[in-house]
N, C-alpha and C. Protein backbone atom coordinates (compact mmCIF):
# COMPACT_ATOMS: atom_id res chain seq x y z
N MET A 1 0.82 -1.19 0.00
CA MET A 1 0.00 0.00 0.00
C MET A 1 0.86 1.25 0.00
N LYS A 2 1.95 1.23 0.75
CA LYS A 2 2.83 2.38 0.84
C LYS A 2 3.49 2.68 -0.51
N LYS A 3 3.79 1.65 -1.30
CA LYS A 3 4.44 1.84 -2.60
C LYS A 3 3.52 2.57 -3.57
N ALA A 4 2.22 2.34 -3.50
CA ALA A 4 1.27 3.00 -4.40
C ALA A 4 1.27 4.51 -4.18
N TRP A 5 1.37 4.97 -2.94
CA TRP A 5 1.39 6.41 -2.65
C TRP A 5 2.66 7.07 -3.18
N VAL A 6 3.72 6.35 -3.27
CA VAL A 6 4.97 6.89 -3.80
C VAL A 6 4.85 7.11 -5.31
N LEU A 7 4.09 6.28 -6.00
CA LEU A 7 3.95 6.39 -7.44
C LEU A 7 3.06 7.55 -7.87
N ILE A 8 2.14 7.99 -7.04
CA ILE A 8 1.22 9.07 -7.40
C ILE A 8 1.98 10.37 -7.67
N PRO A 9 2.86 10.84 -6.78
CA PRO A 9 3.61 12.07 -7.09
C PRO A 9 4.48 11.92 -8.35
N LEU A 10 5.02 10.75 -8.57
CA LEU A 10 5.83 10.51 -9.75
C LEU A 10 4.97 10.63 -11.01
N ALA A 11 3.77 10.07 -10.98
CA ALA A 11 2.86 10.14 -12.13
C ALA A 11 2.45 11.60 -12.39
N VAL A 12 2.17 12.35 -11.34
CA VAL A 12 1.81 13.76 -11.49
C VAL A 12 2.98 14.54 -12.09
N PHE A 13 4.18 14.27 -11.62
CA PHE A 13 5.38 14.94 -12.14
C PHE A 13 5.57 14.64 -13.62
N ILE A 14 5.42 13.41 -14.02
CA ILE A 14 5.57 13.03 -15.43
C ILE A 14 4.51 13.70 -16.28
N ALA A 15 3.26 13.76 -15.80
CA ALA A 15 2.19 14.44 -16.53
C ALA A 15 2.51 15.92 -16.72
N MET A 16 3.04 16.56 -15.68
CA MET A 16 3.40 17.97 -15.78
C MET A 16 4.51 18.17 -16.81
N LEU A 17 5.47 17.27 -16.86
CA LEU A 17 6.54 17.36 -17.85
C LEU A 17 5.99 17.24 -19.27
N VAL A 18 5.04 16.35 -19.47
CA VAL A 18 4.43 16.19 -20.79
C VAL A 18 3.73 17.48 -21.21
N PHE A 19 2.91 18.07 -20.31
CA PHE A 19 2.22 19.32 -20.62
C PHE A 19 3.21 20.46 -20.90
N LEU A 20 4.28 20.52 -20.14
CA LEU A 20 5.30 21.54 -20.36
C LEU A 20 5.96 21.36 -21.72
N GLY A 21 6.28 20.12 -22.06
CA GLY A 21 6.90 19.84 -23.36
C GLY A 21 6.00 20.23 -24.52
N VAL A 22 4.73 19.93 -24.42
CA VAL A 22 3.78 20.30 -25.47
C VAL A 22 3.66 21.82 -25.55
N GLY A 23 3.56 22.47 -24.42
CA GLY A 23 3.42 23.92 -24.38
C GLY A 23 4.62 24.65 -24.97
N LEU A 24 5.81 24.12 -24.76
CA LEU A 24 7.01 24.76 -25.29
C LEU A 24 7.10 24.67 -26.80
N LYS A 25 6.40 23.72 -27.39
CA LYS A 25 6.42 23.57 -28.85
C LYS A 25 5.37 24.45 -29.54
N LEU A 26 4.46 25.08 -28.79
CA LEU A 26 3.44 25.93 -29.39
C LEU A 26 4.01 27.29 -29.75
N ASP A 27 3.50 27.87 -30.83
CA ASP A 27 3.91 29.20 -31.26
C ASP A 27 2.95 30.23 -30.67
N PRO A 28 3.42 31.16 -29.84
CA PRO A 28 2.52 32.14 -29.23
C PRO A 28 1.86 33.06 -30.25
N ARG A 29 2.39 33.14 -31.47
CA ARG A 29 1.78 33.96 -32.51
C ARG A 29 0.59 33.27 -33.15
N GLU A 30 0.35 32.03 -32.80
CA GLU A 30 -0.75 31.29 -33.38
C GLU A 30 -1.90 31.13 -32.38
N VAL A 31 -2.12 32.17 -31.61
CA VAL A 31 -3.23 32.16 -30.66
C VAL A 31 -4.52 32.29 -31.46
N PRO A 32 -5.41 31.33 -31.34
CA PRO A 32 -6.65 31.45 -32.12
C PRO A 32 -7.49 32.63 -31.63
N SER A 33 -8.09 33.33 -32.58
CA SER A 33 -8.93 34.46 -32.23
C SER A 33 -10.39 34.03 -32.28
N PRO A 34 -11.16 34.35 -31.25
CA PRO A 34 -12.59 34.02 -31.28
C PRO A 34 -13.35 34.87 -32.31
N LEU A 35 -12.70 35.90 -32.86
CA LEU A 35 -13.38 36.77 -33.82
C LEU A 35 -13.24 36.30 -35.27
N ILE A 36 -12.41 35.29 -35.52
CA ILE A 36 -12.29 34.79 -36.88
C ILE A 36 -13.66 34.29 -37.34
N ASP A 37 -14.03 34.70 -38.56
CA ASP A 37 -15.33 34.38 -39.17
C ASP A 37 -16.50 35.07 -38.49
N LYS A 38 -16.22 36.13 -37.74
CA LYS A 38 -17.26 36.94 -37.09
C LYS A 38 -17.19 38.36 -37.67
N PRO A 39 -18.29 39.11 -37.58
CA PRO A 39 -18.28 40.49 -38.08
C PRO A 39 -17.28 41.36 -37.32
N VAL A 40 -16.70 42.29 -38.05
CA VAL A 40 -15.76 43.23 -37.46
C VAL A 40 -16.51 44.06 -36.41
N PRO A 41 -15.90 44.32 -35.26
CA PRO A 41 -16.57 45.19 -34.27
C PRO A 41 -16.85 46.57 -34.87
N VAL A 42 -17.99 47.10 -34.56
CA VAL A 42 -18.39 48.41 -35.07
C VAL A 42 -17.55 49.48 -34.37
N PHE A 43 -17.02 50.41 -35.18
CA PHE A 43 -16.30 51.53 -34.60
C PHE A 43 -16.57 52.80 -35.42
N HIS A 44 -16.49 53.95 -34.78
CA HIS A 44 -16.56 55.28 -35.38
C HIS A 44 -15.49 56.08 -34.65
N LEU A 45 -14.35 56.28 -35.29
CA LEU A 45 -13.23 56.92 -34.61
C LEU A 45 -12.68 58.09 -35.43
N GLN A 46 -12.07 59.04 -34.71
CA GLN A 46 -11.43 60.18 -35.36
C GLN A 46 -10.19 59.73 -36.11
N THR A 47 -9.99 60.33 -37.29
CA THR A 47 -8.75 60.05 -38.01
C THR A 47 -7.64 60.92 -37.44
N LEU A 48 -6.42 60.41 -37.53
CA LEU A 48 -5.28 61.15 -36.99
C LEU A 48 -5.00 62.42 -37.80
N ASP A 49 -5.12 62.33 -39.12
CA ASP A 49 -4.75 63.49 -39.94
C ASP A 49 -5.79 64.60 -39.90
N THR A 50 -7.07 64.23 -39.71
CA THR A 50 -8.15 65.22 -39.65
C THR A 50 -9.09 64.81 -38.52
N PRO A 51 -8.83 65.23 -37.29
CA PRO A 51 -9.65 64.79 -36.15
C PRO A 51 -11.15 65.08 -36.28
N SER A 52 -11.51 66.04 -37.13
CA SER A 52 -12.94 66.32 -37.32
C SER A 52 -13.59 65.27 -38.22
N ARG A 53 -12.79 64.46 -38.89
CA ARG A 53 -13.30 63.41 -39.77
C ARG A 53 -13.36 62.09 -39.00
N LEU A 54 -14.49 61.40 -39.14
CA LEU A 54 -14.64 60.08 -38.52
C LEU A 54 -14.54 59.01 -39.59
N LEU A 55 -13.99 57.89 -39.22
CA LEU A 55 -13.97 56.70 -40.07
C LEU A 55 -14.67 55.61 -39.28
N SER A 56 -15.53 54.89 -39.97
CA SER A 56 -16.25 53.81 -39.30
C SER A 56 -15.97 52.49 -40.01
N SER A 57 -16.25 51.42 -39.33
CA SER A 57 -16.11 50.10 -39.93
C SER A 57 -17.03 49.97 -41.14
N ALA A 58 -18.18 50.61 -41.11
CA ALA A 58 -19.13 50.55 -42.23
C ALA A 58 -18.56 51.21 -43.49
N ASP A 59 -17.67 52.19 -43.32
CA ASP A 59 -17.05 52.87 -44.47
C ASP A 59 -16.21 51.91 -45.32
N MET A 60 -15.78 50.82 -44.74
CA MET A 60 -14.89 49.88 -45.43
C MET A 60 -15.66 48.72 -46.08
N ARG A 61 -16.95 48.65 -45.86
CA ARG A 61 -17.76 47.56 -46.46
C ARG A 61 -17.62 47.56 -47.97
N GLY A 62 -17.66 46.36 -48.54
CA GLY A 62 -17.60 46.23 -49.99
C GLY A 62 -16.20 46.05 -50.52
N GLN A 63 -15.21 46.07 -49.64
CA GLN A 63 -13.83 45.86 -50.07
C GLN A 63 -13.08 45.02 -49.05
N VAL A 64 -12.12 44.27 -49.52
CA VAL A 64 -11.22 43.55 -48.63
C VAL A 64 -10.22 44.58 -48.11
N TRP A 65 -9.92 44.53 -46.82
CA TRP A 65 -9.01 45.51 -46.23
C TRP A 65 -8.27 44.92 -45.05
N LEU A 66 -7.19 45.59 -44.67
CA LEU A 66 -6.41 45.20 -43.50
C LEU A 66 -6.60 46.26 -42.42
N LEU A 67 -6.72 45.82 -41.20
CA LEU A 67 -6.68 46.71 -40.05
C LEU A 67 -5.40 46.39 -39.30
N ASN A 68 -4.49 47.36 -39.28
CA ASN A 68 -3.21 47.19 -38.61
C ASN A 68 -3.23 47.98 -37.31
N VAL A 69 -3.10 47.28 -36.20
CA VAL A 69 -3.10 47.92 -34.88
C VAL A 69 -1.65 48.22 -34.53
N TRP A 70 -1.36 49.49 -34.25
CA TRP A 70 0.01 49.94 -34.05
C TRP A 70 0.05 51.05 -33.00
N ALA A 71 1.26 51.44 -32.63
CA ALA A 71 1.45 52.57 -31.71
C ALA A 71 2.87 53.10 -31.88
N SER A 72 3.03 54.37 -31.62
CA SER A 72 4.36 54.98 -31.76
C SER A 72 5.35 54.46 -30.73
N TRP A 73 4.87 53.95 -29.61
CA TRP A 73 5.73 53.44 -28.54
C TRP A 73 6.09 51.96 -28.73
N CYS A 74 5.63 51.34 -29.79
CA CYS A 74 5.75 49.89 -29.99
C CYS A 74 6.99 49.54 -30.81
N SER A 75 7.89 48.75 -30.23
CA SER A 75 9.11 48.37 -30.95
C SER A 75 8.82 47.41 -32.09
N GLY A 76 7.87 46.50 -31.92
CA GLY A 76 7.50 45.58 -33.00
C GLY A 76 6.88 46.33 -34.18
N CYS A 77 6.18 47.43 -33.88
CA CYS A 77 5.59 48.24 -34.95
C CYS A 77 6.69 48.91 -35.77
N ARG A 78 7.73 49.33 -35.10
CA ARG A 78 8.87 49.94 -35.80
C ARG A 78 9.53 48.92 -36.72
N GLU A 79 9.56 47.66 -36.29
CA GLU A 79 10.13 46.59 -37.09
C GLU A 79 9.29 46.31 -38.35
N GLU A 80 7.96 46.31 -38.20
CA GLU A 80 7.10 45.96 -39.33
C GLU A 80 6.79 47.16 -40.24
N HIS A 81 6.97 48.37 -39.75
CA HIS A 81 6.53 49.56 -40.48
C HIS A 81 7.13 49.69 -41.88
N PRO A 82 8.44 49.49 -42.07
CA PRO A 82 8.97 49.60 -43.43
C PRO A 82 8.34 48.57 -44.39
N VAL A 83 7.99 47.40 -43.86
CA VAL A 83 7.34 46.38 -44.68
C VAL A 83 5.96 46.88 -45.12
N LEU A 84 5.22 47.50 -44.19
CA LEU A 84 3.90 48.03 -44.53
C LEU A 84 3.99 49.19 -45.51
N VAL A 85 4.96 50.07 -45.33
CA VAL A 85 5.12 51.21 -46.23
C VAL A 85 5.39 50.72 -47.65
N GLU A 86 6.28 49.76 -47.78
CA GLU A 86 6.59 49.21 -49.11
C GLU A 86 5.37 48.48 -49.69
N PHE A 87 4.69 47.70 -48.86
CA PHE A 87 3.52 46.96 -49.32
C PHE A 87 2.40 47.90 -49.74
N ALA A 88 2.20 48.99 -49.04
CA ALA A 88 1.13 49.94 -49.36
C ALA A 88 1.32 50.52 -50.76
N GLN A 89 2.55 50.63 -51.21
CA GLN A 89 2.82 51.18 -52.53
C GLN A 89 2.30 50.28 -53.65
N THR A 90 2.09 49.00 -53.36
CA THR A 90 1.55 48.08 -54.37
C THR A 90 0.05 48.28 -54.55
N ARG A 91 -0.60 48.89 -53.59
CA ARG A 91 -2.06 49.11 -53.60
C ARG A 91 -2.83 47.79 -53.75
N ALA A 92 -2.26 46.72 -53.24
CA ALA A 92 -2.90 45.41 -53.31
C ALA A 92 -4.16 45.35 -52.46
N VAL A 93 -4.16 46.08 -51.36
CA VAL A 93 -5.30 46.08 -50.44
C VAL A 93 -5.21 47.35 -49.58
N PRO A 94 -6.33 48.00 -49.29
CA PRO A 94 -6.27 49.17 -48.41
C PRO A 94 -5.89 48.76 -46.99
N ILE A 95 -5.07 49.58 -46.37
CA ILE A 95 -4.66 49.34 -44.99
C ILE A 95 -5.16 50.50 -44.14
N VAL A 96 -5.91 50.16 -43.10
CA VAL A 96 -6.37 51.14 -42.13
C VAL A 96 -5.55 50.92 -40.86
N GLY A 97 -5.04 51.99 -40.29
CA GLY A 97 -4.30 51.90 -39.05
C GLY A 97 -5.20 52.18 -37.85
N LEU A 98 -4.99 51.45 -36.79
CA LEU A 98 -5.67 51.71 -35.51
C LEU A 98 -4.56 52.05 -34.51
N ASP A 99 -4.41 53.34 -34.24
CA ASP A 99 -3.38 53.81 -33.31
C ASP A 99 -3.86 53.54 -31.89
N TYR A 100 -3.24 52.56 -31.26
CA TYR A 100 -3.71 51.95 -30.02
C TYR A 100 -3.02 52.53 -28.79
N LYS A 101 -3.83 53.08 -27.88
CA LYS A 101 -3.34 53.60 -26.59
C LYS A 101 -2.13 54.51 -26.77
N ASP A 102 -2.29 55.48 -27.63
CA ASP A 102 -1.19 56.35 -28.01
C ASP A 102 -1.67 57.80 -27.96
N GLN A 103 -0.74 58.71 -27.89
CA GLN A 103 -1.06 60.13 -27.99
C GLN A 103 -1.11 60.51 -29.46
N PRO A 104 -2.20 61.12 -29.92
CA PRO A 104 -2.32 61.46 -31.34
C PRO A 104 -1.14 62.27 -31.88
N ASP A 105 -0.62 63.22 -31.12
CA ASP A 105 0.52 64.01 -31.60
C ASP A 105 1.75 63.12 -31.80
N ASP A 106 1.98 62.19 -30.89
CA ASP A 106 3.10 61.26 -31.05
C ASP A 106 2.91 60.39 -32.28
N ALA A 107 1.69 59.94 -32.51
CA ALA A 107 1.39 59.09 -33.66
C ALA A 107 1.59 59.86 -34.97
N ARG A 108 1.10 61.09 -35.04
CA ARG A 108 1.28 61.90 -36.26
C ARG A 108 2.76 62.15 -36.54
N ARG A 109 3.50 62.44 -35.50
CA ARG A 109 4.93 62.69 -35.64
C ARG A 109 5.64 61.41 -36.15
N TRP A 110 5.25 60.27 -35.58
CA TRP A 110 5.84 58.98 -35.97
C TRP A 110 5.58 58.69 -37.44
N LEU A 111 4.32 58.88 -37.89
CA LEU A 111 4.00 58.64 -39.30
C LEU A 111 4.73 59.63 -40.20
N GLY A 112 4.89 60.87 -39.73
CA GLY A 112 5.65 61.85 -40.50
C GLY A 112 7.11 61.46 -40.66
N ASN A 113 7.67 60.87 -39.62
CA ASN A 113 9.08 60.47 -39.66
C ASN A 113 9.33 59.19 -40.46
N PHE A 114 8.42 58.23 -40.36
CA PHE A 114 8.68 56.91 -40.92
C PHE A 114 7.85 56.56 -42.14
N GLY A 115 6.91 57.43 -42.53
CA GLY A 115 6.05 57.17 -43.68
C GLY A 115 4.68 56.69 -43.22
N ASN A 116 3.71 56.88 -44.10
CA ASN A 116 2.33 56.55 -43.75
C ASN A 116 1.77 55.54 -44.75
N PRO A 117 1.66 54.27 -44.36
CA PRO A 117 1.15 53.25 -45.27
C PRO A 117 -0.38 53.16 -45.30
N TYR A 118 -1.05 53.96 -44.49
CA TYR A 118 -2.48 53.80 -44.27
C TYR A 118 -3.31 54.73 -45.17
N ILE A 119 -4.45 54.21 -45.64
CA ILE A 119 -5.40 55.09 -46.33
C ILE A 119 -6.03 56.02 -45.30
N ALA A 120 -6.08 55.56 -44.07
CA ALA A 120 -6.51 56.36 -42.93
C ALA A 120 -6.00 55.65 -41.67
N SER A 121 -5.69 56.45 -40.68
CA SER A 121 -5.33 55.88 -39.39
C SER A 121 -6.23 56.55 -38.36
N VAL A 122 -6.87 55.71 -37.55
CA VAL A 122 -7.80 56.23 -36.55
C VAL A 122 -7.17 56.13 -35.17
N SER A 123 -7.63 56.99 -34.29
CA SER A 123 -7.07 57.10 -32.95
C SER A 123 -7.94 56.34 -31.95
N ASP A 124 -7.30 55.47 -31.19
CA ASP A 124 -7.97 54.70 -30.12
C ASP A 124 -7.19 54.92 -28.82
N PRO A 125 -7.23 56.16 -28.29
CA PRO A 125 -6.37 56.49 -27.15
C PRO A 125 -6.66 55.70 -25.89
N ASP A 126 -7.91 55.31 -25.67
CA ASP A 126 -8.22 54.56 -24.45
C ASP A 126 -8.18 53.04 -24.68
N GLY A 127 -8.02 52.61 -25.92
CA GLY A 127 -7.89 51.19 -26.21
C GLY A 127 -9.20 50.42 -26.27
N ARG A 128 -10.32 51.10 -26.19
CA ARG A 128 -11.61 50.37 -26.17
C ARG A 128 -11.89 49.63 -27.46
N THR A 129 -11.60 50.26 -28.59
CA THR A 129 -11.83 49.57 -29.87
C THR A 129 -10.87 48.39 -30.00
N GLY A 130 -9.64 48.59 -29.58
CA GLY A 130 -8.69 47.48 -29.60
C GLY A 130 -9.17 46.31 -28.77
N ILE A 131 -9.73 46.60 -27.62
CA ILE A 131 -10.26 45.54 -26.76
C ILE A 131 -11.38 44.80 -27.47
N GLU A 132 -12.25 45.52 -28.17
CA GLU A 132 -13.34 44.87 -28.90
C GLU A 132 -12.81 43.94 -30.00
N PHE A 133 -11.64 44.26 -30.53
CA PHE A 133 -11.01 43.41 -31.53
C PHE A 133 -10.21 42.27 -30.87
N GLY A 134 -10.12 42.26 -29.57
CA GLY A 134 -9.37 41.22 -28.89
C GLY A 134 -7.87 41.45 -28.90
N VAL A 135 -7.46 42.69 -29.07
CA VAL A 135 -6.04 43.03 -29.10
C VAL A 135 -5.48 42.93 -27.69
N TYR A 136 -4.36 42.24 -27.56
CA TYR A 136 -3.69 42.22 -26.26
C TYR A 136 -2.25 42.63 -26.38
N GLY A 137 -1.84 43.00 -27.57
CA GLY A 137 -0.49 43.51 -27.79
C GLY A 137 -0.40 44.05 -29.20
N VAL A 138 0.52 44.95 -29.42
CA VAL A 138 0.71 45.48 -30.76
C VAL A 138 2.09 45.10 -31.25
N PRO A 139 2.26 44.92 -32.52
CA PRO A 139 1.28 45.07 -33.59
C PRO A 139 0.43 43.80 -33.77
N GLU A 140 -0.77 44.02 -34.24
CA GLU A 140 -1.66 42.96 -34.68
C GLU A 140 -2.34 43.44 -35.95
N THR A 141 -2.61 42.53 -36.86
CA THR A 141 -3.23 42.89 -38.13
C THR A 141 -4.36 41.93 -38.43
N PHE A 142 -5.47 42.48 -38.91
CA PHE A 142 -6.65 41.70 -39.25
C PHE A 142 -6.91 41.81 -40.75
N VAL A 143 -7.25 40.69 -41.38
CA VAL A 143 -7.70 40.69 -42.76
C VAL A 143 -9.23 40.60 -42.70
N ILE A 144 -9.88 41.55 -43.34
CA ILE A 144 -11.34 41.67 -43.27
C ILE A 144 -11.90 41.60 -44.68
N ASP A 145 -12.94 40.78 -44.87
CA ASP A 145 -13.50 40.59 -46.21
C ASP A 145 -14.51 41.68 -46.58
N LYS A 146 -15.06 41.57 -47.79
CA LYS A 146 -15.98 42.58 -48.32
C LYS A 146 -17.25 42.74 -47.48
N ALA A 147 -17.65 41.68 -46.82
CA ALA A 147 -18.86 41.72 -46.00
C ALA A 147 -18.58 42.19 -44.57
N GLY A 148 -17.32 42.52 -44.28
CA GLY A 148 -16.98 42.98 -42.93
C GLY A 148 -16.75 41.84 -41.96
N ILE A 149 -16.33 40.69 -42.47
CA ILE A 149 -16.05 39.53 -41.63
C ILE A 149 -14.53 39.38 -41.47
N ILE A 150 -14.08 39.19 -40.25
CA ILE A 150 -12.65 38.98 -39.98
C ILE A 150 -12.28 37.58 -40.45
N ARG A 151 -11.28 37.50 -41.31
CA ARG A 151 -10.86 36.21 -41.87
C ARG A 151 -9.50 35.73 -41.38
N HIS A 152 -8.72 36.65 -40.82
CA HIS A 152 -7.38 36.26 -40.34
C HIS A 152 -6.90 37.30 -39.34
N LYS A 153 -6.14 36.82 -38.36
CA LYS A 153 -5.50 37.71 -37.40
C LYS A 153 -4.03 37.36 -37.33
N GLN A 154 -3.19 38.35 -37.59
CA GLN A 154 -1.74 38.19 -37.49
C GLN A 154 -1.29 38.84 -36.20
N ILE A 155 -0.72 38.05 -35.32
CA ILE A 155 -0.18 38.57 -34.07
C ILE A 155 1.31 38.79 -34.27
N GLY A 156 1.76 39.98 -33.94
CA GLY A 156 3.17 40.30 -34.09
C GLY A 156 3.44 40.98 -35.43
N PRO A 157 4.69 41.37 -35.63
CA PRO A 157 5.03 42.12 -36.85
C PRO A 157 4.81 41.31 -38.12
N ILE A 158 4.32 42.01 -39.14
CA ILE A 158 4.21 41.43 -40.47
C ILE A 158 5.60 41.46 -41.09
N THR A 159 5.98 40.36 -41.68
CA THR A 159 7.26 40.25 -42.39
C THR A 159 6.97 40.06 -43.87
N PRO A 160 7.97 40.22 -44.72
CA PRO A 160 7.74 39.94 -46.15
C PRO A 160 7.25 38.51 -46.39
N ASP A 161 7.76 37.56 -45.61
CA ASP A 161 7.33 36.17 -45.76
C ASP A 161 5.85 36.00 -45.39
N ILE A 162 5.42 36.63 -44.32
CA ILE A 162 4.01 36.54 -43.91
C ILE A 162 3.12 37.18 -44.97
N LEU A 163 3.56 38.31 -45.51
CA LEU A 163 2.79 38.94 -46.58
C LEU A 163 2.65 38.00 -47.77
N ARG A 164 3.78 37.47 -48.22
CA ARG A 164 3.81 36.62 -49.40
C ARG A 164 3.06 35.31 -49.20
N ASP A 165 3.26 34.67 -48.06
CA ASP A 165 2.76 33.30 -47.87
C ASP A 165 1.35 33.23 -47.26
N THR A 166 0.95 34.24 -46.52
CA THR A 166 -0.33 34.17 -45.80
C THR A 166 -1.30 35.27 -46.22
N ILE A 167 -0.90 36.51 -46.08
CA ILE A 167 -1.84 37.62 -46.26
C ILE A 167 -2.22 37.83 -47.73
N LEU A 168 -1.24 37.93 -48.63
CA LEU A 168 -1.57 38.16 -50.03
C LEU A 168 -2.41 37.05 -50.66
N PRO A 169 -2.08 35.78 -50.44
CA PRO A 169 -2.97 34.74 -51.00
C PRO A 169 -4.40 34.83 -50.47
N LEU A 170 -4.55 35.16 -49.18
CA LEU A 170 -5.88 35.29 -48.62
C LEU A 170 -6.61 36.50 -49.22
N VAL A 171 -5.92 37.62 -49.36
CA VAL A 171 -6.53 38.81 -49.96
C VAL A 171 -6.99 38.51 -51.39
N LYS A 172 -6.16 37.83 -52.17
CA LYS A 172 -6.52 37.48 -53.55
C LYS A 172 -7.74 36.57 -53.57
N LYS A 173 -7.77 35.60 -52.69
CA LYS A 173 -8.91 34.68 -52.61
C LYS A 173 -10.19 35.44 -52.24
N LEU A 174 -10.10 36.33 -51.24
CA LEU A 174 -11.26 37.09 -50.82
C LEU A 174 -11.74 38.07 -51.88
N ASN A 175 -10.82 38.65 -52.63
CA ASN A 175 -11.20 39.57 -53.70
C ASN A 175 -11.86 38.84 -54.85
N ALA A 176 -11.47 37.59 -55.07
CA ALA A 176 -12.05 36.79 -56.16
C ALA A 176 -13.45 36.28 -55.81
N ALA A 177 -13.75 36.23 -54.53
CA ALA A 177 -15.05 35.68 -54.10
C ALA A 177 -16.19 36.62 -54.38
């Protein structure tokens, strides 16, 4: 009877090692989003370049578009920004920026210094719209179809490989539909 009690902690320890091993092999950038295949959250936000102008999610209906969540204080955003600027020049898909928990003056200065890949960038200083999108860190990018349905969420900086292998094929497929 005493030997059986000794085996229980050993079995628990082995089970914990298995779970740890599986967890270490997971990619944190592949966190599933509960918003995939769901309508884009409704928003009406001020644009950075013209605060008297509002942009809403409804304004983007009828076209495939990207929503890129960024901030001037974000190091990952600085890493992905040149990729977005170059990609925007192809006009393959409109990119809307969501300036997340940032000061509008800092964001405008940042875009002035590094280039502006966005057809519009909206200000989300309190982060409420970002929360509705399920954002928990920046940068994050969403691919949204013509009907306003979220089809993909990219966590972390967009790279040329991610554009080529994931985002562009999806955009082409959605535009063809």
